[in-house]
Amino acid sequence: MGVATDANGAVFRLVKHDPPRASDTASHWEAGKLPQAPACLRCGLSVFREIRDAVHQRQLLPKLGNWIAQATLLPEHGKTKLTEGRQPSHTTWWAYEGVNRASLFSVVREEG
């Protein structure tokens, strides 16, 4: 099992709004969802390193959002770790307190 490292590089996330809103970047903990899941994962945000994995996730779970948004993370945005999920590039991002997560994301137009 690896350790979380400084956030760095492009990530993709399904969102319901264009432009993304705070509700699009709320953790499961903040949204009161998945109370039985491990607390550490509930406090992180699911993102993907590859847009194709976000496209595939949208096909599997359209209720998560119709838009794919991209952010470029920097070390001052928190920590990330490749985590087991439905898609190979599924990553958990733990944003530092005070980071405006939604403002980092912009909806992208992709071929999917």
N, C-alpha and C. Protein backbone atom coordinates (compact mmCIF):
# COMPACT_ATOMS: atom_id res chain seq x y z
N MET A 1 0.85 -1.19 0.00
CA MET A 1 0.00 0.00 0.00
C MET A 1 0.88 1.24 0.00
N GLY A 2 0.68 2.12 -0.96
CA GLY A 2 1.46 3.35 -1.05
C GLY A 2 0.97 4.42 -0.08
N VAL A 3 1.68 5.50 -0.08
CA VAL A 3 1.30 6.63 0.76
C VAL A 3 0.82 7.78 -0.12
N ALA A 4 0.06 8.67 0.47
CA ALA A 4 -0.40 9.85 -0.26
C ALA A 4 0.80 10.76 -0.53
N THR A 5 0.78 11.38 -1.69
CA THR A 5 1.85 12.28 -2.09
C THR A 5 1.27 13.66 -2.40
N ASP A 6 2.14 14.65 -2.52
CA ASP A 6 1.69 15.99 -2.85
C ASP A 6 0.85 15.96 -4.13
N ALA A 7 -0.25 16.70 -4.11
CA ALA A 7 -1.09 16.82 -5.30
C ALA A 7 -0.26 17.42 -6.42
N ASN A 8 -0.45 16.88 -7.62
CA ASN A 8 0.34 17.36 -8.75
C ASN A 8 -0.27 16.85 -10.04
N GLY A 9 -0.61 17.76 -10.95
CA GLY A 9 -1.05 17.37 -12.28
C GLY A 9 -2.54 17.41 -12.49
N ALA A 10 -2.93 17.04 -13.70
CA ALA A 10 -4.33 17.09 -14.12
C ALA A 10 -5.14 15.96 -13.50
N VAL A 11 -6.37 16.31 -13.11
CA VAL A 11 -7.34 15.33 -12.63
C VAL A 11 -8.70 15.68 -13.25
N PHE A 12 -9.56 14.68 -13.32
CA PHE A 12 -10.88 14.83 -13.91
C PHE A 12 -11.93 14.34 -12.92
N ARG A 13 -13.11 14.97 -12.97
CA ARG A 13 -14.18 14.62 -12.05
C ARG A 13 -15.52 14.85 -12.74
N LEU A 14 -16.48 13.98 -12.45
CA LEU A 14 -17.84 14.19 -12.94
C LEU A 14 -18.50 15.27 -12.09
N VAL A 15 -19.19 16.19 -12.76
CA VAL A 15 -19.89 17.28 -12.07
C VAL A 15 -21.28 17.45 -12.67
N LYS A 16 -22.17 18.07 -11.91
CA LYS A 16 -23.54 18.29 -12.37
C LYS A 16 -23.77 19.70 -12.90
N HIS A 17 -22.81 20.58 -12.72
CA HIS A 17 -23.00 21.97 -13.11
C HIS A 17 -21.84 22.49 -13.94
N ASP A 18 -22.14 23.45 -14.83
CA ASP A 18 -21.13 24.14 -15.62
C ASP A 18 -21.40 25.63 -15.48
N PRO A 19 -20.57 26.34 -14.73
CA PRO A 19 -19.32 25.89 -14.09
C PRO A 19 -19.59 25.07 -12.83
N PRO A 20 -18.61 24.27 -12.40
CA PRO A 20 -18.77 23.47 -11.20
C PRO A 20 -19.05 24.33 -9.96
N ARG A 21 -19.89 23.80 -9.09
CA ARG A 21 -20.25 24.45 -7.83
C ARG A 21 -19.63 23.69 -6.66
N ALA A 22 -19.69 24.30 -5.49
CA ALA A 22 -19.17 23.65 -4.28
C ALA A 22 -19.79 22.27 -4.08
N SER A 23 -21.08 22.13 -4.40
CA SER A 23 -21.75 20.83 -4.23
C SER A 23 -21.15 19.76 -5.14
N ASP A 24 -20.55 20.17 -6.25
CA ASP A 24 -19.91 19.21 -7.16
C ASP A 24 -18.59 18.68 -6.62
N THR A 25 -18.04 19.37 -5.64
CA THR A 25 -16.74 18.97 -5.10
C THR A 25 -16.82 18.70 -3.60
N ALA A 26 -18.01 18.35 -3.14
CA ALA A 26 -18.18 17.98 -1.73
C ALA A 26 -17.77 16.52 -1.53
N SER A 27 -17.09 16.26 -0.44
CA SER A 27 -16.71 14.88 -0.12
C SER A 27 -17.95 14.13 0.37
N HIS A 28 -17.86 12.81 0.42
CA HIS A 28 -18.96 12.02 0.95
C HIS A 28 -19.24 12.41 2.40
N TRP A 29 -18.21 12.70 3.15
CA TRP A 29 -18.37 13.12 4.54
C TRP A 29 -19.17 14.41 4.62
N GLU A 30 -18.79 15.39 3.80
CA GLU A 30 -19.50 16.67 3.80
C GLU A 30 -20.95 16.53 3.35
N ALA A 31 -21.20 15.60 2.43
CA ALA A 31 -22.54 15.38 1.90
C ALA A 31 -23.36 14.41 2.75
N GLY A 32 -22.75 13.83 3.77
CA GLY A 32 -23.45 12.88 4.62
C GLY A 32 -23.73 11.55 3.94
N LYS A 33 -22.90 11.19 2.98
CA LYS A 33 -23.10 9.94 2.23
C LYS A 33 -22.10 8.87 2.66
N LEU A 34 -22.47 7.64 2.37
CA LEU A 34 -21.64 6.45 2.64
C LEU A 34 -21.09 6.40 4.07
N PRO A 35 -21.96 6.47 5.06
CA PRO A 35 -21.49 6.48 6.46
C PRO A 35 -20.72 5.24 6.88
N GLN A 36 -20.89 4.13 6.16
CA GLN A 36 -20.19 2.89 6.52
C GLN A 36 -18.83 2.77 5.86
N ALA A 37 -18.51 3.67 4.93
CA ALA A 37 -17.23 3.62 4.23
C ALA A 37 -16.11 4.07 5.17
N PRO A 38 -14.87 3.68 4.88
CA PRO A 38 -13.75 4.13 5.71
C PRO A 38 -13.70 5.66 5.77
N ALA A 39 -13.55 6.20 6.97
CA ALA A 39 -13.57 7.66 7.18
C ALA A 39 -12.54 8.37 6.32
N CYS A 40 -11.38 7.78 6.18
CA CYS A 40 -10.31 8.41 5.40
C CYS A 40 -10.75 8.63 3.95
N LEU A 41 -11.40 7.63 3.36
CA LEU A 41 -11.86 7.76 1.98
C LEU A 41 -13.06 8.70 1.88
N ARG A 42 -13.93 8.69 2.87
CA ARG A 42 -15.10 9.58 2.87
C ARG A 42 -14.68 11.05 2.87
N CYS A 43 -13.54 11.36 3.43
CA CYS A 43 -13.08 12.75 3.52
C CYS A 43 -12.35 13.21 2.26
N GLY A 44 -12.03 12.29 1.39
CA GLY A 44 -11.34 12.63 0.15
C GLY A 44 -12.32 12.80 -0.99
N LEU A 45 -11.82 13.27 -2.11
CA LEU A 45 -12.62 13.49 -3.30
C LEU A 45 -12.14 12.52 -4.38
N SER A 46 -13.07 11.80 -5.00
CA SER A 46 -12.72 10.89 -6.08
C SER A 46 -12.47 11.68 -7.36
N VAL A 47 -11.32 11.45 -7.94
CA VAL A 47 -10.95 12.06 -9.22
C VAL A 47 -10.29 10.98 -10.06
N PHE A 48 -10.06 11.30 -11.33
CA PHE A 48 -9.40 10.37 -12.24
C PHE A 48 -8.22 11.07 -12.88
N ARG A 49 -7.17 10.32 -13.12
CA ARG A 49 -5.98 10.86 -13.78
C ARG A 49 -6.14 10.84 -15.29
N GLU A 50 -7.02 10.01 -15.80
CA GLU A 50 -7.23 9.87 -17.25
C GLU A 50 -8.67 10.24 -17.58
N ILE A 51 -8.85 11.09 -18.59
CA ILE A 51 -10.20 11.51 -18.98
C ILE A 51 -11.04 10.31 -19.43
N ARG A 52 -10.40 9.33 -20.07
CA ARG A 52 -11.17 8.16 -20.53
C ARG A 52 -11.83 7.43 -19.37
N ASP A 53 -11.19 7.44 -18.20
CA ASP A 53 -11.80 6.79 -17.04
C ASP A 53 -13.00 7.60 -16.53
N ALA A 54 -12.92 8.92 -16.62
CA ALA A 54 -14.07 9.75 -16.25
C ALA A 54 -15.23 9.53 -17.23
N VAL A 55 -14.92 9.42 -18.51
CA VAL A 55 -15.94 9.15 -19.52
C VAL A 55 -16.61 7.81 -19.22
N HIS A 56 -15.81 6.80 -18.93
CA HIS A 56 -16.35 5.47 -18.62
C HIS A 56 -17.21 5.52 -17.35
N GLN A 57 -16.76 6.23 -16.33
CA GLN A 57 -17.52 6.34 -15.09
C GLN A 57 -18.86 7.03 -15.34
N ARG A 58 -18.87 8.04 -16.21
CA ARG A 58 -20.13 8.73 -16.55
C ARG A 58 -21.10 7.77 -17.22
N GLN A 59 -20.58 6.86 -18.06
CA GLN A 59 -21.44 5.87 -18.72
C GLN A 59 -22.01 4.88 -17.71
N LEU A 60 -21.20 4.50 -16.72
CA LEU A 60 -21.64 3.55 -15.70
C LEU A 60 -22.61 4.17 -14.70
N LEU A 61 -22.32 5.42 -14.30
CA LEU A 61 -23.09 6.08 -13.23
C LEU A 61 -23.47 7.50 -13.64
N PRO A 62 -24.41 7.64 -14.59
CA PRO A 62 -24.76 8.98 -15.07
C PRO A 62 -25.33 9.89 -13.99
N LYS A 63 -25.82 9.33 -12.91
CA LYS A 63 -26.36 10.17 -11.83
C LYS A 63 -25.29 11.03 -11.16
N LEU A 64 -24.01 10.68 -11.37
CA LEU A 64 -22.92 11.46 -10.77
C LEU A 64 -22.69 12.79 -11.48
N GLY A 65 -23.20 12.91 -12.70
CA GLY A 65 -23.06 14.16 -13.42
C GLY A 65 -22.88 13.95 -14.91
N ASN A 66 -23.34 14.93 -15.68
CA ASN A 66 -23.24 14.86 -17.13
C ASN A 66 -21.99 15.51 -17.68
N TRP A 67 -21.31 16.29 -16.85
CA TRP A 67 -20.14 17.03 -17.29
C TRP A 67 -18.87 16.41 -16.72
N ILE A 68 -17.80 16.56 -17.46
CA ILE A 68 -16.49 16.18 -16.96
C ILE A 68 -15.69 17.46 -16.79
N ALA A 69 -15.18 17.65 -15.60
CA ALA A 69 -14.40 18.85 -15.30
C ALA A 69 -12.96 18.46 -15.04
N GLN A 70 -12.05 19.37 -15.36
CA GLN A 70 -10.63 19.15 -15.17
C GLN A 70 -10.06 20.21 -14.24
N ALA A 71 -9.13 19.78 -13.41
CA ALA A 71 -8.36 20.70 -12.56
C ALA A 71 -6.90 20.32 -12.68
N THR A 72 -6.05 21.30 -12.48
CA THR A 72 -4.62 21.03 -12.40
C THR A 72 -4.21 21.26 -10.96
N LEU A 73 -3.88 20.18 -10.27
CA LEU A 73 -3.54 20.26 -8.86
C LEU A 73 -2.06 20.57 -8.66
N LEU A 74 -1.80 21.32 -7.61
CA LEU A 74 -0.45 21.68 -7.20
C LEU A 74 -0.25 21.22 -5.76
N PRO A 75 0.99 21.11 -5.29
CA PRO A 75 1.23 20.65 -3.92
C PRO A 75 0.46 21.44 -2.86
N GLU A 76 0.21 22.72 -3.09
CA GLU A 76 -0.52 23.51 -2.08
C GLU A 76 -2.01 23.18 -2.03
N HIS A 77 -2.47 22.31 -2.93
CA HIS A 77 -3.88 21.91 -2.94
C HIS A 77 -4.16 20.68 -2.08
N GLY A 78 -3.13 19.98 -1.63
CA GLY A 78 -3.37 18.82 -0.78
C GLY A 78 -2.55 17.62 -1.17
N LYS A 79 -3.10 16.45 -0.87
CA LYS A 79 -2.43 15.17 -1.12
C LYS A 79 -3.32 14.29 -2.00
N THR A 80 -2.70 13.41 -2.77
CA THR A 80 -3.45 12.46 -3.58
C THR A 80 -2.84 11.07 -3.45
N LYS A 81 -3.67 10.10 -3.79
CA LYS A 81 -3.21 8.72 -3.78
C LYS A 81 -4.06 7.92 -4.76
N LEU A 82 -3.40 7.13 -5.61
CA LEU A 82 -4.10 6.20 -6.48
C LEU A 82 -4.82 5.21 -5.57
N THR A 83 -6.13 5.10 -5.72
CA THR A 83 -6.92 4.25 -4.83
C THR A 83 -7.80 3.31 -5.65
N GLU A 84 -8.07 2.17 -5.09
CA GLU A 84 -8.86 1.17 -5.77
C GLU A 84 -10.24 1.71 -6.07
N GLY A 85 -10.65 1.55 -7.30
CA GLY A 85 -11.97 1.99 -7.73
C GLY A 85 -12.38 1.25 -8.97
N ARG A 86 -13.47 1.68 -9.57
CA ARG A 86 -13.96 1.01 -10.78
C ARG A 86 -13.06 1.27 -11.97
N GLN A 87 -12.32 2.37 -11.94
CA GLN A 87 -11.48 2.76 -13.07
C GLN A 87 -10.01 2.74 -12.64
N PRO A 88 -9.11 2.36 -13.55
CA PRO A 88 -7.69 2.21 -13.20
C PRO A 88 -7.02 3.47 -12.67
N SER A 89 -7.43 4.65 -13.14
CA SER A 89 -6.75 5.86 -12.70
C SER A 89 -7.49 6.56 -11.55
N HIS A 90 -8.42 5.83 -10.90
CA HIS A 90 -9.15 6.42 -9.77
C HIS A 90 -8.17 6.85 -8.70
N THR A 91 -8.29 8.08 -8.28
CA THR A 91 -7.39 8.68 -7.31
C THR A 91 -8.21 9.40 -6.25
N THR A 92 -7.77 9.36 -5.02
CA THR A 92 -8.43 10.14 -3.97
C THR A 92 -7.59 11.38 -3.72
N TRP A 93 -8.27 12.51 -3.66
CA TRP A 93 -7.62 13.80 -3.39
C TRP A 93 -8.14 14.32 -2.06
N TRP A 94 -7.20 14.55 -1.14
CA TRP A 94 -7.53 15.16 0.14
C TRP A 94 -7.06 16.61 0.07
N ALA A 95 -8.00 17.51 -0.14
CA ALA A 95 -7.67 18.93 -0.27
C ALA A 95 -7.37 19.51 1.11
N TYR A 96 -6.41 20.41 1.13
CA TYR A 96 -6.12 21.12 2.37
C TYR A 96 -7.28 22.03 2.72
N GLU A 97 -7.46 22.28 4.00
CA GLU A 97 -8.48 23.20 4.48
C GLU A 97 -8.28 24.56 3.83
N GLY A 98 -9.36 25.16 3.42
CA GLY A 98 -9.29 26.48 2.81
C GLY A 98 -9.15 26.47 1.29
N VAL A 99 -8.90 25.30 0.69
CA VAL A 99 -8.80 25.23 -0.76
C VAL A 99 -10.21 25.27 -1.35
N ASN A 100 -10.45 26.20 -2.26
CA ASN A 100 -11.74 26.29 -2.95
C ASN A 100 -11.71 25.28 -4.09
N ARG A 101 -12.15 24.09 -3.80
CA ARG A 101 -12.05 22.98 -4.76
C ARG A 101 -12.78 23.27 -6.06
N ALA A 102 -14.01 23.75 -5.98
CA ALA A 102 -14.80 23.97 -7.19
C ALA A 102 -14.13 24.96 -8.13
N SER A 103 -13.47 25.97 -7.58
CA SER A 103 -12.85 27.00 -8.43
C SER A 103 -11.67 26.46 -9.24
N LEU A 104 -11.14 25.31 -8.85
CA LEU A 104 -10.02 24.72 -9.58
C LEU A 104 -10.47 23.98 -10.84
N PHE A 105 -11.75 23.63 -10.89
CA PHE A 105 -12.28 22.81 -11.99
C PHE A 105 -12.96 23.64 -13.07
N SER A 106 -12.78 23.21 -14.31
CA SER A 106 -13.48 23.76 -15.47
C SER A 106 -13.99 22.60 -16.29
N VAL A 107 -15.22 22.73 -16.79
CA VAL A 107 -15.78 21.68 -17.64
C VAL A 107 -14.99 21.61 -18.94
N VAL A 108 -14.70 20.40 -19.36
CA VAL A 108 -13.94 20.18 -20.59
C VAL A 108 -14.86 19.54 -21.65
N ARG A 109 -14.53 19.76 -22.86
CA ARG A 109 -15.25 19.13 -23.97
C ARG A 109 -14.38 17.98 -24.44
N GLU A 110 -14.93 16.79 -24.40
CA GLU A 110 -14.12 15.63 -24.78
C GLU A 110 -14.87 14.79 -25.78
N GLU A 111 -14.15 13.97 -26.45
CA GLU A 111 -14.75 12.97 -27.33
C GLU A 111 -14.95 11.73 -26.48
N GLY A 112 -16.19 11.32 -26.32
CA GLY A 112 -16.41 10.19 -25.45
C GLY A 112 -17.44 9.28 -25.96
